[in-house]
Amino acid sequence: MARSMGLRACLLVLAGCGGGSGELKDVELQVVNAVSNDINRNLTLRVETPHDTPEERAFPYGDSLDENNWVKLHVPLVRNDVVVFKLLNSSGVQVVVTSCSVGDIERFGYLKALLSPLDLDGHGRHVDCAEGFVDNTP
């Protein structure tokens, strides 16, 4: 009886019973400068996710249609996670902070955010949460 109860508890809580991997799958996160043909503003992109340490890269500039000008990260994410994007100036001061909620990762197989140092719509919006994210357009 005790073994049966232990097995039921194990089935209800797969983590810690050796039955579940407990590991999240990495997904490609693409960050594109929403200002096409933008100048180099010497900004640092900081991406914060709930399951990994923050990552920093130079904020992309130039032709936004050229994938070579995108930041591509591989991070563990699941639906409903919140990804925080920060733009820091050369002194490390935060000039933009915004976020996107993870939506349907499976549909696209990746996530894409179009981030801008400039206000996109006159209401303080600096990111277009695109493929794989929950739509944030007003």
Protein backbone atom coordinates (compact mmCIF):
# COMPACT_ATOMS: atom_id res chain seq x y z
CA MET A 1 0.00 0.00 0.00
CA ALA A 2 2.78 2.43 0.94
CA ARG A 3 4.57 1.70 -2.34
CA SER A 4 1.34 2.31 -4.26
CA MET A 5 0.87 5.69 -2.54
CA GLY A 6 4.48 6.62 -3.30
CA LEU A 7 3.99 5.74 -6.95
CA ARG A 8 0.84 7.87 -7.15
CA ALA A 9 2.63 10.79 -5.55
CA CYS A 10 5.48 10.34 -7.99
CA LEU A 11 3.09 10.40 -10.93
CA LEU A 12 1.49 13.58 -9.65
CA VAL A 13 4.82 15.28 -9.10
CA LEU A 14 7.08 14.06 -11.89
CA ALA A 15 9.93 16.35 -10.93
CA GLY A 16 12.23 14.70 -8.46
CA CYS A 17 11.03 11.18 -9.25
CA GLY A 18 13.37 10.68 -12.16
CA GLY A 19 10.48 10.62 -14.63
CA GLY A 20 10.77 14.15 -15.98
CA SER A 21 13.79 15.86 -17.46
CA GLY A 22 13.09 19.18 -15.72
CA GLU A 23 14.98 20.90 -18.51
CA LEU A 24 13.49 23.64 -20.64
CA LYS A 25 14.15 23.64 -24.35
CA ASP A 26 16.07 26.58 -25.76
CA VAL A 27 14.28 28.72 -28.29
CA GLU A 28 15.79 31.21 -30.72
CA LEU A 29 15.01 34.77 -29.69
CA GLN A 30 15.53 37.31 -32.49
CA VAL A 31 15.83 40.99 -31.63
CA VAL A 32 15.64 43.43 -34.53
CA ASN A 33 16.07 47.20 -34.49
CA ALA A 34 12.61 48.50 -35.40
CA VAL A 35 14.18 51.63 -36.94
CA SER A 36 15.32 50.50 -40.39
CA ASN A 37 18.71 51.84 -41.48
CA ASP A 38 19.26 53.26 -38.00
CA ILE A 39 22.56 54.84 -37.01
CA ASN A 40 24.88 53.32 -34.42
CA ARG A 41 23.64 54.80 -31.15
CA ASN A 42 26.25 52.89 -29.09
CA LEU A 43 23.56 51.14 -27.08
CA THR A 44 23.78 47.82 -25.30
CA LEU A 45 20.86 45.41 -25.44
CA ARG A 46 20.21 43.53 -22.21
CA VAL A 47 17.76 40.63 -22.35
CA GLU A 48 16.42 39.17 -19.11
CA THR A 49 14.51 35.89 -19.03
CA PRO A 50 13.13 33.98 -16.03
CA HIS A 51 15.15 30.79 -16.53
CA ASP A 52 18.60 32.09 -17.49
CA THR A 53 21.13 34.76 -16.62
CA PRO A 54 20.77 38.12 -18.41
CA GLU A 55 22.56 38.43 -21.73
CA GLU A 56 24.06 41.60 -23.20
CA ARG A 57 24.90 42.36 -26.81
CA ALA A 58 25.55 45.48 -28.85
CA PHE A 59 22.19 46.85 -30.02
CA PRO A 60 21.89 46.26 -33.77
CA TYR A 61 21.79 49.06 -36.32
CA GLY A 62 21.83 49.41 -40.10
CA ASP A 63 19.56 47.56 -42.50
CA SER A 64 16.92 45.84 -40.35
CA LEU A 65 16.01 43.47 -43.18
CA ASP A 66 19.53 42.01 -43.13
CA GLU A 67 19.62 39.10 -40.65
CA ASN A 68 23.31 39.85 -40.04
CA ASN A 69 22.12 42.98 -38.22
CA TRP A 70 19.89 41.06 -35.79
CA VAL A 71 20.72 39.78 -32.32
CA LYS A 72 19.94 36.07 -32.02
CA LEU A 73 19.97 34.42 -28.61
CA HIS A 74 19.11 30.88 -27.58
CA VAL A 75 17.31 30.94 -24.25
CA PRO A 76 15.02 28.61 -22.32
CA LEU A 77 11.45 29.92 -22.47
CA VAL A 78 7.91 28.60 -22.15
CA ARG A 79 4.47 30.05 -22.78
CA ASN A 80 3.56 32.98 -20.48
CA ASP A 81 7.19 33.76 -19.58
CA VAL A 82 8.01 37.47 -19.67
CA VAL A 83 11.11 38.62 -21.54
CA VAL A 84 12.48 42.00 -20.45
CA PHE A 85 14.40 44.12 -22.95
CA LYS A 86 16.60 46.97 -21.77
CA LEU A 87 18.67 49.42 -23.78
CA LEU A 88 21.64 50.86 -21.92
CA ASN A 89 23.75 53.81 -23.00
CA SER A 90 27.56 53.76 -23.01
CA SER A 91 27.57 54.72 -19.30
CA GLY A 92 25.35 51.73 -18.45
CA VAL A 93 22.32 53.92 -17.78
CA GLN A 94 19.00 52.36 -18.77
CA VAL A 95 17.32 54.43 -21.50
CA VAL A 96 14.55 51.99 -22.47
CA VAL A 97 12.90 49.13 -20.63
CA THR A 98 10.04 47.10 -22.08
CA SER A 99 8.82 43.52 -22.16
CA CYS A 100 6.97 40.86 -24.13
CA SER A 101 4.99 37.84 -22.96
CA VAL A 102 5.76 34.53 -24.61
CA GLY A 103 2.85 33.15 -26.60
CA ASP A 104 2.77 30.40 -29.20
CA ILE A 105 6.41 29.30 -29.52
CA GLU A 106 5.43 26.07 -31.27
CA ARG A 107 3.69 27.83 -34.15
CA PHE A 108 6.80 29.67 -35.33
CA GLY A 109 9.63 27.75 -33.66
CA TYR A 110 11.25 31.04 -32.65
CA LEU A 111 10.46 34.40 -31.08
CA LYS A 112 10.96 37.82 -32.66
CA ALA A 113 10.84 41.28 -31.09
CA LEU A 114 11.28 44.55 -32.95
CA LEU A 115 12.83 46.92 -30.44
CA SER A 116 13.37 50.64 -30.86
CA PRO A 117 15.28 53.29 -28.96
CA LEU A 118 12.59 55.67 -30.28
CA ASP A 119 8.90 55.76 -29.36
CA LEU A 120 7.05 53.64 -31.93
CA ASP A 121 3.59 55.16 -31.60
CA GLY A 122 3.77 58.35 -29.54
CA HIS A 123 2.58 56.52 -26.40
CA GLY A 124 5.88 55.28 -25.03
CA ARG A 125 5.85 51.89 -26.80
CA HIS A 126 9.38 50.75 -27.71
CA VAL A 127 8.76 47.16 -28.77
CA ASP A 128 6.62 45.29 -31.24
CA CYS A 129 6.19 41.81 -29.78
CA ALA A 130 6.08 39.83 -33.02
CA GLU A 131 6.26 36.11 -33.89
CA GLY A 132 5.88 33.79 -30.93
CA PHE A 133 4.95 36.56 -28.50
CA VAL A 134 1.55 37.76 -27.37
CA ASP A 135 0.63 40.73 -29.60
CA ASN A 136 1.18 44.03 -27.77
CA THR A 137 -0.12 46.45 -30.39
CA PRO A 138 -2.70 48.84 -28.94
